[in-house]
Amino acid sequence: MNKLLVFTLFILLFSCSKDDNDDSNQASTRLAVNGKSYDISKATAVDNYRLSSESHAEFDFLMTNGTLNILAEPMSYFGFEANNASILLNVQMFSNNTSFSNGVYTFVQNGNILDPQPASNFFSQLGIQIDGNNDNDFNDIEDIYLTATAGTVSVLGSSPNYTLAINVTLSNNENFTYTYNGGFDYYNNRGN
């Protein structure tokens, strides 16, 4: 009888293991998109204030597994490049306030160039660059560039500890959900 009890407990113990659900995009630095997973190791929040807008405060959020170089001059231009990376996620967000604020941001195609701009929080670009041939750059024909076509990005917290909750449809028709809460380096491109 004792042997039967031990055997039954043994079977129950090993058959009740952790579920194999894919939680890879739930509140972490691990991002899954287009059938692959990536660990985000570098994230920067760029405060562009009113670089592209006279009515909205602009922030750009950049996340990668490589290094980031910000190419900017306050109130003049903004650019960036990722090196030694296989993934780069960029979200350009516009807050309908005098400063960037928490809230839900809705995708508006070409919202950054509309005149007047929407009287709400919006994002006009969410792009994901994927190194398609494993050479750690994004300059090849095999590389993949996905963009948001609909959805929302929610922002919580304060700089540099923002949490971004992304729920969008991508240009490959993938429903992409990802929550990043790994902290951001802050880059001031406000000009003050």
N, C-alpha and C. Protein backbone atom coordinates (compact mmCIF):
# COMPACT_ATOMS: atom_id res chain seq x y z
N MET A 1 0.82 -1.19 0.00
CA MET A 1 0.00 0.00 0.00
C MET A 1 0.86 1.26 0.00
N ASN A 2 1.93 1.29 0.85
CA ASN A 2 2.84 2.43 0.87
C ASN A 2 3.50 2.65 -0.49
N LYS A 3 3.86 1.57 -1.15
CA LYS A 3 4.49 1.69 -2.47
C LYS A 3 3.52 2.29 -3.48
N LEU A 4 2.24 1.91 -3.39
CA LEU A 4 1.23 2.46 -4.29
C LEU A 4 1.02 3.95 -4.04
N LEU A 5 1.01 4.35 -2.77
CA LEU A 5 0.85 5.75 -2.42
C LEU A 5 2.03 6.58 -2.91
N VAL A 6 3.25 6.10 -2.70
CA VAL A 6 4.45 6.79 -3.17
C VAL A 6 4.45 6.89 -4.69
N PHE A 7 4.08 5.82 -5.37
CA PHE A 7 4.04 5.81 -6.83
C PHE A 7 3.01 6.82 -7.34
N THR A 8 1.81 6.88 -6.70
CA THR A 8 0.77 7.82 -7.10
C THR A 8 1.22 9.26 -6.88
N LEU A 9 1.83 9.54 -5.74
CA LEU A 9 2.34 10.89 -5.48
C LEU A 9 3.43 11.28 -6.47
N PHE A 10 4.28 10.32 -6.82
CA PHE A 10 5.34 10.55 -7.79
C PHE A 10 4.75 10.96 -9.14
N ILE A 11 3.73 10.25 -9.58
CA ILE A 11 3.09 10.55 -10.87
C ILE A 11 2.41 11.92 -10.81
N LEU A 12 1.70 12.22 -9.73
CA LEU A 12 1.04 13.53 -9.60
C LEU A 12 2.04 14.67 -9.58
N LEU A 13 3.14 14.48 -8.87
CA LEU A 13 4.16 15.52 -8.77
C LEU A 13 4.74 15.87 -10.13
N PHE A 14 5.05 14.89 -10.93
CA PHE A 14 5.69 15.15 -12.21
C PHE A 14 4.71 15.45 -13.35
N SER A 15 3.43 15.14 -13.16
CA SER A 15 2.47 15.45 -14.22
C SER A 15 1.87 16.84 -14.05
N CYS A 16 2.05 17.47 -12.90
CA CYS A 16 1.50 18.81 -12.64
C CYS A 16 2.59 19.85 -12.76
N SER A 17 3.28 19.86 -13.84
CA SER A 17 4.34 20.85 -14.04
C SER A 17 3.75 22.13 -14.59
N LYS A 18 4.58 23.15 -14.72
CA LYS A 18 4.18 24.46 -15.22
C LYS A 18 3.57 24.34 -16.62
N ASP A 19 2.50 25.11 -16.85
CA ASP A 19 1.88 25.13 -18.18
C ASP A 19 2.87 25.67 -19.19
N ASP A 20 2.69 25.25 -20.44
CA ASP A 20 3.60 25.67 -21.50
C ASP A 20 3.06 26.86 -22.28
N ASN A 21 2.17 27.66 -21.68
CA ASN A 21 1.66 28.84 -22.36
C ASN A 21 2.80 29.81 -22.62
N ASP A 22 2.73 30.52 -23.74
CA ASP A 22 3.78 31.48 -24.09
C ASP A 22 3.49 32.82 -23.43
N ASP A 23 4.16 33.08 -22.31
CA ASP A 23 4.01 34.35 -21.59
C ASP A 23 5.13 35.29 -21.97
N SER A 24 5.84 35.04 -23.05
CA SER A 24 7.07 35.76 -23.33
C SER A 24 6.87 37.26 -23.52
N ASN A 25 5.67 37.69 -23.85
CA ASN A 25 5.45 39.12 -24.04
C ASN A 25 4.67 39.74 -22.89
N GLN A 26 4.67 39.11 -21.74
CA GLN A 26 3.94 39.62 -20.60
C GLN A 26 4.91 40.21 -19.58
N ALA A 27 4.92 41.52 -19.45
CA ALA A 27 5.65 42.25 -18.41
C ALA A 27 7.09 41.78 -18.27
N SER A 28 7.87 41.92 -19.31
CA SER A 28 9.25 41.50 -19.25
C SER A 28 10.10 42.27 -20.25
N THR A 29 11.34 41.87 -20.33
CA THR A 29 12.21 42.41 -21.36
C THR A 29 12.31 41.43 -22.53
N ARG A 30 11.64 40.30 -22.48
CA ARG A 30 11.64 39.31 -23.56
C ARG A 30 10.50 39.63 -24.52
N LEU A 31 10.83 39.80 -25.78
CA LEU A 31 9.89 40.20 -26.81
C LEU A 31 9.77 39.07 -27.83
N ALA A 32 8.55 38.69 -28.20
CA ALA A 32 8.33 37.67 -29.22
C ALA A 32 7.54 38.29 -30.37
N VAL A 33 8.08 38.16 -31.57
CA VAL A 33 7.41 38.70 -32.75
C VAL A 33 7.86 37.91 -33.98
N ASN A 34 6.95 37.74 -34.92
CA ASN A 34 7.26 37.10 -36.19
C ASN A 34 7.88 35.71 -36.00
N GLY A 35 7.44 35.00 -34.94
CA GLY A 35 7.89 33.63 -34.72
C GLY A 35 9.20 33.47 -33.97
N LYS A 36 9.82 34.55 -33.50
CA LYS A 36 11.08 34.46 -32.76
C LYS A 36 11.02 35.30 -31.49
N SER A 37 11.88 34.96 -30.54
CA SER A 37 11.96 35.71 -29.29
C SER A 37 13.30 36.42 -29.19
N TYR A 38 13.28 37.58 -28.53
CA TYR A 38 14.46 38.42 -28.37
C TYR A 38 14.49 38.97 -26.95
N ASP A 39 15.67 39.13 -26.39
CA ASP A 39 15.83 39.76 -25.08
C ASP A 39 16.23 41.21 -25.27
N ILE A 40 15.41 42.13 -24.81
CA ILE A 40 15.71 43.56 -24.91
C ILE A 40 16.72 43.91 -23.82
N SER A 41 17.85 44.47 -24.22
CA SER A 41 18.90 44.81 -23.25
C SER A 41 19.17 46.31 -23.18
N LYS A 42 18.62 47.08 -24.11
CA LYS A 42 18.86 48.52 -24.14
C LYS A 42 17.55 49.22 -24.52
N ALA A 43 17.15 50.19 -23.70
CA ALA A 43 15.93 50.94 -23.98
C ALA A 43 16.18 52.40 -23.65
N THR A 44 15.74 53.27 -24.54
CA THR A 44 15.94 54.71 -24.35
C THR A 44 14.62 55.43 -24.64
N ALA A 45 14.29 56.38 -23.77
CA ALA A 45 13.14 57.27 -23.98
C ALA A 45 13.70 58.63 -24.37
N VAL A 46 13.37 59.09 -25.57
CA VAL A 46 13.88 60.36 -26.08
C VAL A 46 12.78 61.41 -25.96
N ASP A 47 13.07 62.44 -25.19
CA ASP A 47 12.13 63.55 -24.99
C ASP A 47 12.36 64.57 -26.10
N ASN A 48 11.52 64.52 -27.12
CA ASN A 48 11.63 65.44 -28.26
C ASN A 48 10.72 66.66 -28.11
N TYR A 49 10.07 66.79 -26.96
CA TYR A 49 9.18 67.87 -26.62
C TYR A 49 8.23 68.18 -27.77
N ARG A 50 8.45 69.22 -28.54
CA ARG A 50 7.55 69.60 -29.63
C ARG A 50 8.30 69.65 -30.97
N LEU A 51 9.19 68.68 -31.16
CA LEU A 51 9.99 68.65 -32.38
C LEU A 51 9.11 68.54 -33.63
N SER A 52 8.12 67.64 -33.62
CA SER A 52 7.27 67.41 -34.81
C SER A 52 5.87 67.96 -34.64
N SER A 53 5.63 68.71 -33.58
CA SER A 53 4.26 69.15 -33.29
C SER A 53 4.28 70.45 -32.51
N GLU A 54 3.32 71.31 -32.80
CA GLU A 54 3.17 72.53 -32.02
C GLU A 54 2.13 72.36 -30.92
N SER A 55 1.37 71.27 -30.96
CA SER A 55 0.29 71.07 -29.99
C SER A 55 0.50 69.89 -29.05
N HIS A 56 1.45 69.02 -29.35
CA HIS A 56 1.63 67.80 -28.58
C HIS A 56 3.09 67.66 -28.12
N ALA A 57 3.28 67.07 -26.94
CA ALA A 57 4.62 66.72 -26.47
C ALA A 57 4.99 65.36 -27.07
N GLU A 58 6.19 65.25 -27.63
CA GLU A 58 6.61 64.04 -28.35
C GLU A 58 7.67 63.28 -27.56
N PHE A 59 7.47 61.98 -27.44
CA PHE A 59 8.47 61.06 -26.89
C PHE A 59 8.66 59.94 -27.90
N ASP A 60 9.90 59.52 -28.07
CA ASP A 60 10.21 58.34 -28.87
C ASP A 60 10.80 57.29 -27.95
N PHE A 61 10.25 56.09 -27.99
CA PHE A 61 10.74 54.98 -27.18
C PHE A 61 11.44 53.99 -28.10
N LEU A 62 12.69 53.65 -27.77
CA LEU A 62 13.51 52.75 -28.57
C LEU A 62 13.93 51.57 -27.71
N MET A 63 13.81 50.36 -28.23
CA MET A 63 14.19 49.15 -27.51
C MET A 63 14.92 48.21 -28.45
N THR A 64 16.04 47.65 -28.00
CA THR A 64 16.83 46.77 -28.85
C THR A 64 17.60 45.76 -28.00
N ASN A 65 18.20 44.80 -28.66
CA ASN A 65 19.10 43.87 -27.98
C ASN A 65 20.56 44.15 -28.35
N GLY A 66 20.80 45.30 -28.94
CA GLY A 66 22.16 45.73 -29.29
C GLY A 66 22.48 47.03 -28.58
N THR A 67 23.24 47.87 -29.25
CA THR A 67 23.54 49.20 -28.71
C THR A 67 22.77 50.24 -29.50
N LEU A 68 22.47 51.35 -28.83
CA LEU A 68 21.74 52.45 -29.47
C LEU A 68 22.61 53.69 -29.52
N ASN A 69 22.62 54.36 -30.65
CA ASN A 69 23.25 55.66 -30.78
C ASN A 69 22.16 56.66 -31.15
N ILE A 70 22.02 57.69 -30.33
CA ILE A 70 21.06 58.74 -30.61
C ILE A 70 21.78 59.82 -31.41
N LEU A 71 21.21 60.19 -32.53
CA LEU A 71 21.76 61.22 -33.41
C LEU A 71 20.79 62.39 -33.37
N ALA A 72 21.11 63.40 -32.58
CA ALA A 72 20.13 64.46 -32.37
C ALA A 72 20.80 65.77 -32.04
N GLU A 73 20.10 66.83 -32.35
CA GLU A 73 20.44 68.16 -31.90
C GLU A 73 19.14 68.78 -31.40
N PRO A 74 19.08 69.21 -30.16
CA PRO A 74 17.82 69.68 -29.58
C PRO A 74 17.07 70.66 -30.48
N MET A 75 15.80 70.38 -30.64
CA MET A 75 14.86 71.19 -31.42
C MET A 75 15.28 71.37 -32.89
N SER A 76 16.17 70.51 -33.37
CA SER A 76 16.62 70.60 -34.75
C SER A 76 16.35 69.30 -35.51
N TYR A 77 16.89 68.19 -35.02
CA TYR A 77 16.63 66.91 -35.67
C TYR A 77 16.79 65.78 -34.67
N PHE A 78 16.26 64.63 -35.05
CA PHE A 78 16.35 63.44 -34.22
C PHE A 78 16.48 62.23 -35.12
N GLY A 79 17.41 61.37 -34.78
CA GLY A 79 17.60 60.10 -35.47
C GLY A 79 18.26 59.13 -34.51
N PHE A 80 18.41 57.90 -34.96
CA PHE A 80 19.03 56.87 -34.13
C PHE A 80 19.53 55.74 -35.01
N GLU A 81 20.43 54.95 -34.44
CA GLU A 81 20.88 53.74 -35.11
C GLU A 81 21.14 52.68 -34.05
N ALA A 82 20.87 51.45 -34.43
CA ALA A 82 21.15 50.31 -33.55
C ALA A 82 22.31 49.53 -34.17
N ASN A 83 23.24 49.12 -33.32
CA ASN A 83 24.40 48.35 -33.78
C ASN A 83 24.42 47.01 -33.05
N ASN A 84 24.97 46.00 -33.75
CA ASN A 84 25.08 44.65 -33.18
C ASN A 84 23.75 44.20 -32.61
N ALA A 85 22.68 44.39 -33.38
CA ALA A 85 21.33 44.10 -32.92
C ALA A 85 20.61 43.20 -33.92
N SER A 86 19.69 42.40 -33.39
CA SER A 86 18.83 41.59 -34.25
C SER A 86 17.38 42.04 -34.18
N ILE A 87 17.08 43.00 -33.28
CA ILE A 87 15.72 43.54 -33.15
C ILE A 87 15.80 45.01 -32.74
N LEU A 88 14.90 45.81 -33.26
CA LEU A 88 14.78 47.21 -32.86
C LEU A 88 13.31 47.58 -32.93
N LEU A 89 12.77 48.06 -31.80
CA LEU A 89 11.39 48.51 -31.74
C LEU A 89 11.40 50.01 -31.47
N ASN A 90 10.66 50.77 -32.27
CA ASN A 90 10.59 52.22 -32.14
C ASN A 90 9.13 52.65 -32.11
N VAL A 91 8.75 53.44 -31.08
CA VAL A 91 7.40 53.98 -31.00
C VAL A 91 7.50 55.49 -30.88
N GLN A 92 6.87 56.21 -31.82
CA GLN A 92 6.83 57.68 -31.80
C GLN A 92 5.46 58.09 -31.28
N MET A 93 5.46 58.74 -30.08
CA MET A 93 4.20 59.02 -29.38
C MET A 93 4.02 60.52 -29.16
N PHE A 94 2.76 60.96 -29.21
CA PHE A 94 2.42 62.36 -29.06
C PHE A 94 1.36 62.51 -27.97
N SER A 95 1.72 63.26 -26.92
CA SER A 95 0.84 63.49 -25.78
C SER A 95 0.12 64.82 -25.97
N ASN A 96 -1.19 64.82 -25.80
CA ASN A 96 -1.98 66.03 -25.98
C ASN A 96 -1.92 66.90 -24.72
N ASN A 97 -0.70 67.21 -24.30
CA ASN A 97 -0.43 68.01 -23.10
C ASN A 97 0.81 68.85 -23.34
N THR A 98 1.10 69.73 -22.41
CA THR A 98 2.32 70.53 -22.52
C THR A 98 3.56 69.70 -22.20
N SER A 99 3.38 68.57 -21.52
CA SER A 99 4.49 67.64 -21.27
C SER A 99 3.97 66.23 -21.48
N PHE A 100 4.87 65.30 -21.66
CA PHE A 100 4.48 63.92 -21.92
C PHE A 100 3.78 63.36 -20.69
N SER A 101 2.70 62.59 -20.90
CA SER A 101 1.93 62.10 -19.77
C SER A 101 1.48 60.66 -19.97
N ASN A 102 1.11 60.03 -18.87
CA ASN A 102 0.55 58.69 -18.90
C ASN A 102 -0.78 58.69 -19.62
N GLY A 103 -1.17 57.52 -20.10
CA GLY A 103 -2.46 57.39 -20.75
C GLY A 103 -2.43 56.36 -21.85
N VAL A 104 -3.54 56.28 -22.56
CA VAL A 104 -3.67 55.37 -23.69
C VAL A 104 -3.45 56.19 -24.97
N TYR A 105 -2.57 55.70 -25.81
CA TYR A 105 -2.23 56.35 -27.08
C TYR A 105 -2.76 55.46 -28.20
N THR A 106 -3.54 56.04 -29.10
CA THR A 106 -4.18 55.31 -30.19
C THR A 106 -3.43 55.56 -31.49
N PHE A 107 -3.32 54.52 -32.32
CA PHE A 107 -2.65 54.66 -33.60
C PHE A 107 -3.44 55.58 -34.52
N VAL A 108 -2.76 56.58 -35.08
CA VAL A 108 -3.33 57.47 -36.09
C VAL A 108 -2.33 57.52 -37.24
N GLN A 109 -2.71 56.94 -38.38
CA GLN A 109 -1.81 56.93 -39.53
C GLN A 109 -1.51 58.35 -39.97
N ASN A 110 -0.22 58.67 -40.10
CA ASN A 110 0.26 60.00 -40.49
C ASN A 110 -0.16 61.09 -39.52
N GLY A 111 -0.45 60.72 -38.28
CA GLY A 111 -0.90 61.70 -37.29
C GLY A 111 0.11 62.80 -37.04
N ASN A 112 1.39 62.48 -37.21
CA ASN A 112 2.43 63.49 -36.95
C ASN A 112 2.47 64.58 -38.02
N ILE A 113 1.84 64.35 -39.17
CA ILE A 113 1.87 65.38 -40.21
C ILE A 113 0.49 65.96 -40.51
N LEU A 114 -0.54 65.49 -39.78
CA LEU A 114 -1.88 66.06 -39.96
C LEU A 114 -1.92 67.49 -39.43
N ASP A 115 -2.73 68.31 -40.03
CA ASP A 115 -2.89 69.68 -39.56
C ASP A 115 -4.37 70.03 -39.59
N PRO A 116 -5.03 70.16 -38.46
CA PRO A 116 -4.46 70.05 -37.12
C PRO A 116 -4.31 68.58 -36.70
N GLN A 117 -3.47 68.35 -35.70
CA GLN A 117 -3.28 67.01 -35.18
C GLN A 117 -4.47 66.62 -34.30
N PRO A 118 -4.70 65.32 -34.11
CA PRO A 118 -5.83 64.88 -33.27
C PRO A 118 -5.75 65.50 -31.87
N ALA A 119 -6.90 65.84 -31.31
CA ALA A 119 -6.96 66.43 -29.96
C ALA A 119 -7.00 65.30 -28.93
N SER A 120 -6.03 64.41 -29.02
CA SER A 120 -5.94 63.26 -28.12
C SER A 120 -4.50 62.76 -28.12
N ASN A 121 -4.21 61.81 -27.24
CA ASN A 121 -2.91 61.13 -27.25
C ASN A 121 -2.90 60.15 -28.42
N PHE A 122 -1.82 60.15 -29.19
CA PHE A 122 -1.75 59.22 -30.31
C PHE A 122 -0.30 58.83 -30.58
N PHE A 123 -0.13 57.74 -31.34
CA PHE A 123 1.18 57.41 -31.88
C PHE A 123 1.01 57.23 -33.37
N SER A 124 1.99 57.71 -34.11
CA SER A 124 1.90 57.68 -35.57
C SER A 124 2.82 56.63 -36.17
N GLN A 125 3.73 56.11 -35.36
CA GLN A 125 4.65 55.11 -35.87
C GLN A 125 5.00 54.14 -34.77
N LEU A 126 4.89 52.86 -35.07
CA LEU A 126 5.47 51.79 -34.28
C LEU A 126 6.10 50.87 -35.29
N GLY A 127 7.42 50.83 -35.29
CA GLY A 127 8.14 50.01 -36.24
C GLY A 127 9.01 48.99 -35.54
N ILE A 128 9.08 47.80 -36.12
CA ILE A 128 9.92 46.74 -35.59
C ILE A 128 10.83 46.27 -36.73
N GLN A 129 12.13 46.47 -36.54
CA GLN A 129 13.11 46.00 -37.51
C GLN A 129 13.69 44.70 -36.99
N ILE A 130 13.76 43.69 -37.87
CA ILE A 130 14.27 42.37 -37.51
C ILE A 130 15.39 42.00 -38.48
N ASP A 131 16.53 41.61 -37.92
CA ASP A 131 17.66 41.16 -38.73
C ASP A 131 17.32 39.79 -39.30
N GLY A 132 17.05 39.72 -40.61
CA GLY A 132 16.60 38.49 -41.25
C GLY A 132 17.69 37.52 -41.63
N ASN A 133 18.95 37.94 -41.62
CA ASN A 133 20.03 37.03 -42.02
C ASN A 133 21.11 36.89 -40.95
N ASN A 134 20.81 37.31 -39.73
CA ASN A 134 21.69 37.12 -38.57
C ASN A 134 23.07 37.76 -38.71
N ASP A 135 23.15 38.93 -39.37
CA ASP A 135 24.44 39.62 -39.45
C ASP A 135 24.48 40.86 -38.55
N ASN A 136 23.48 40.99 -37.66
CA ASN A 136 23.43 42.04 -36.65
C ASN A 136 23.34 43.46 -37.20
N ASP A 137 22.70 43.61 -38.36
CA ASP A 137 22.38 44.95 -38.86
C ASP A 137 21.06 44.89 -39.60
N PHE A 138 20.59 46.04 -40.05
CA PHE A 138 19.29 46.13 -40.71
C PHE A 138 19.42 46.70 -42.12
N ASN A 139 20.48 46.32 -42.82
CA ASN A 139 20.77 46.91 -44.13
C ASN A 139 20.59 45.94 -45.30
N ASP A 140 20.01 44.78 -45.06
CA ASP A 140 19.97 43.74 -46.09
C ASP A 140 18.56 43.47 -46.57
N ILE A 141 18.44 42.95 -47.77
CA ILE A 141 17.14 42.66 -48.35
C ILE A 141 16.40 41.60 -47.55
N GLU A 142 17.12 40.74 -46.83
CA GLU A 142 16.49 39.69 -46.02
C GLU A 142 15.90 40.23 -44.72
N ASP A 143 16.25 41.44 -44.35
CA ASP A 143 15.76 42.01 -43.10
C ASP A 143 14.27 42.34 -43.22
N ILE A 144 13.60 42.34 -42.09
CA ILE A 144 12.15 42.50 -42.03
C ILE A 144 11.82 43.80 -41.31
N TYR A 145 10.86 44.56 -41.84
CA TYR A 145 10.39 45.77 -41.19
C TYR A 145 8.88 45.68 -41.07
N LEU A 146 8.40 45.61 -39.83
CA LEU A 146 6.97 45.54 -39.55
C LEU A 146 6.51 46.85 -38.95
N THR A 147 5.30 47.27 -39.27
CA THR A 147 4.75 48.51 -38.72
C THR A 147 3.36 48.23 -38.15
N ALA A 148 2.96 49.07 -37.20
CA ALA A 148 1.60 48.99 -36.67
C ALA A 148 0.63 49.53 -37.70
N THR A 149 -0.52 48.89 -37.80
CA THR A 149 -1.59 49.37 -38.67
C THR A 149 -2.83 49.76 -37.87
N ALA A 150 -2.87 49.38 -36.60
CA ALA A 150 -3.98 49.71 -35.70
C ALA A 150 -3.56 49.34 -34.29
N GLY A 151 -4.26 49.89 -33.30
CA GLY A 151 -4.03 49.47 -31.93
C GLY A 151 -3.73 50.60 -30.97
N THR A 152 -3.26 50.20 -29.78
CA THR A 152 -2.98 51.16 -28.72
C THR A 152 -1.66 50.85 -28.02
N VAL A 153 -1.12 51.89 -27.41
CA VAL A 153 0.03 51.75 -26.51
C VAL A 153 -0.35 52.52 -25.25
N SER A 154 -0.30 51.84 -24.11
CA SER A 154 -0.59 52.49 -22.83
C SER A 154 0.72 52.79 -22.12
N VAL A 155 0.79 53.96 -21.50
CA VAL A 155 1.99 54.40 -20.79
C VAL A 155 1.63 54.58 -19.32
N LEU A 156 2.45 53.99 -18.46
CA LEU A 156 2.31 54.14 -17.01
C LEU A 156 3.66 54.51 -16.43
N GLY A 157 3.67 55.08 -15.24
CA GLY A 157 4.92 55.39 -14.55
C GLY A 157 5.44 56.76 -14.91
N SER A 158 6.70 56.98 -14.56
CA SER A 158 7.34 58.26 -14.86
C SER A 158 8.77 57.99 -15.30
N SER A 159 9.34 58.97 -15.97
CA SER A 159 10.69 58.84 -16.53
C SER A 159 11.70 58.64 -15.40
N PRO A 160 12.61 57.71 -15.50
CA PRO A 160 12.88 56.80 -16.62
C PRO A 160 12.19 55.44 -16.48
N ASN A 161 11.29 55.31 -15.51
CA ASN A 161 10.69 54.01 -15.21
C ASN A 161 9.31 53.84 -15.82
N TYR A 162 9.17 54.19 -17.08
CA TYR A 162 7.91 54.00 -17.77
C TYR A 162 7.65 52.50 -17.99
N THR A 163 6.38 52.16 -18.03
CA THR A 163 5.93 50.85 -18.50
C THR A 163 5.12 51.10 -19.75
N LEU A 164 5.45 50.39 -20.82
CA LEU A 164 4.70 50.48 -22.07
C LEU A 164 3.95 49.17 -22.28
N ALA A 165 2.64 49.25 -22.46
CA ALA A 165 1.81 48.09 -22.77
C ALA A 165 1.32 48.26 -24.21
N ILE A 166 1.87 47.46 -25.10
CA ILE A 166 1.60 47.57 -26.53
C ILE A 166 0.60 46.50 -26.95
N ASN A 167 -0.43 46.90 -27.67
CA ASN A 167 -1.41 45.97 -28.22
C ASN A 167 -1.79 46.48 -29.61
N VAL A 168 -1.10 45.97 -30.63
CA VAL A 168 -1.29 46.47 -32.00
C VAL A 168 -1.43 45.33 -32.99
N THR A 169 -1.95 45.68 -34.15
CA THR A 169 -1.92 44.79 -35.31
C THR A 169 -0.76 45.25 -36.17
N LEU A 170 0.10 44.31 -36.57
CA LEU A 170 1.26 44.63 -37.39
C LEU A 170 0.95 44.46 -38.87
N SER A 171 1.83 44.98 -39.70
CA SER A 171 1.65 44.93 -41.15
C SER A 171 1.67 43.50 -41.71
N ASN A 172 2.12 42.52 -40.93
CA ASN A 172 2.05 41.13 -41.36
C ASN A 172 0.79 40.46 -40.80
N ASN A 173 -0.17 41.25 -40.29
CA ASN A 173 -1.44 40.83 -39.69
C ASN A 173 -1.27 40.11 -38.36
N GLU A 174 -0.10 40.18 -37.75
CA GLU A 174 0.12 39.58 -36.44
C GLU A 174 -0.44 40.50 -35.35
N ASN A 175 -1.15 39.92 -34.38
CA ASN A 175 -1.58 40.68 -33.21
C ASN A 175 -0.40 40.67 -32.25
N PHE A 176 0.22 41.81 -32.06
CA PHE A 176 1.43 41.94 -31.25
C PHE A 176 1.08 42.58 -29.92
N THR A 177 1.27 41.84 -28.83
CA THR A 177 1.10 42.39 -27.49
C THR A 177 2.41 42.23 -26.75
N TYR A 178 2.81 43.29 -26.09
CA TYR A 178 4.09 43.29 -25.39
C TYR A 178 4.04 44.34 -24.29
N THR A 179 4.48 43.97 -23.11
CA THR A 179 4.59 44.92 -22.02
C THR A 179 6.05 45.02 -21.63
N TYR A 180 6.60 46.21 -21.73
CA TYR A 180 8.00 46.45 -21.35
C TYR A 180 8.03 47.28 -20.08
N ASN A 181 8.72 46.77 -19.07
CA ASN A 181 8.86 47.50 -17.82
C ASN A 181 10.29 47.42 -17.28
N GLY A 182 11.24 47.34 -18.17
CA GLY A 182 12.64 47.19 -17.78
C GLY A 182 13.38 48.49 -17.55
N GLY A 183 12.69 49.64 -17.59
CA GLY A 183 13.34 50.93 -17.40
C GLY A 183 13.96 51.46 -18.68
N PHE A 184 14.06 52.77 -18.77
CA PHE A 184 14.59 53.44 -19.96
C PHE A 184 15.69 54.40 -19.56
N ASP A 185 16.71 54.52 -20.39
CA ASP A 185 17.63 55.64 -20.27
C ASP A 185 16.88 56.85 -20.82
N TYR A 186 17.09 58.01 -20.20
CA TYR A 186 16.42 59.23 -20.64
C TYR A 186 17.38 60.04 -21.49
N TYR A 187 16.90 60.50 -22.66
CA TYR A 187 17.70 61.36 -23.52
C TYR A 187 16.92 62.65 -23.74
N ASN A 188 17.51 63.78 -23.33
CA ASN A 188 16.85 65.08 -23.43
C ASN A 188 17.17 65.72 -24.78
N ASN A 189 16.18 65.81 -25.63
CA ASN A 189 16.32 66.48 -26.91
C ASN A 189 15.37 67.68 -26.97
N ARG A 190 15.09 68.27 -25.81
CA ARG A 190 14.14 69.37 -25.69
C ARG A 190 14.74 70.71 -26.07
N GLY A 191 16.01 70.88 -25.88
CA GLY A 191 16.62 72.16 -26.18
C GLY A 191 16.62 73.13 -25.01
N ASN A 192 16.34 72.63 -23.82
CA ASN A 192 16.40 73.49 -22.64
C ASN A 192 17.05 72.78 -21.47
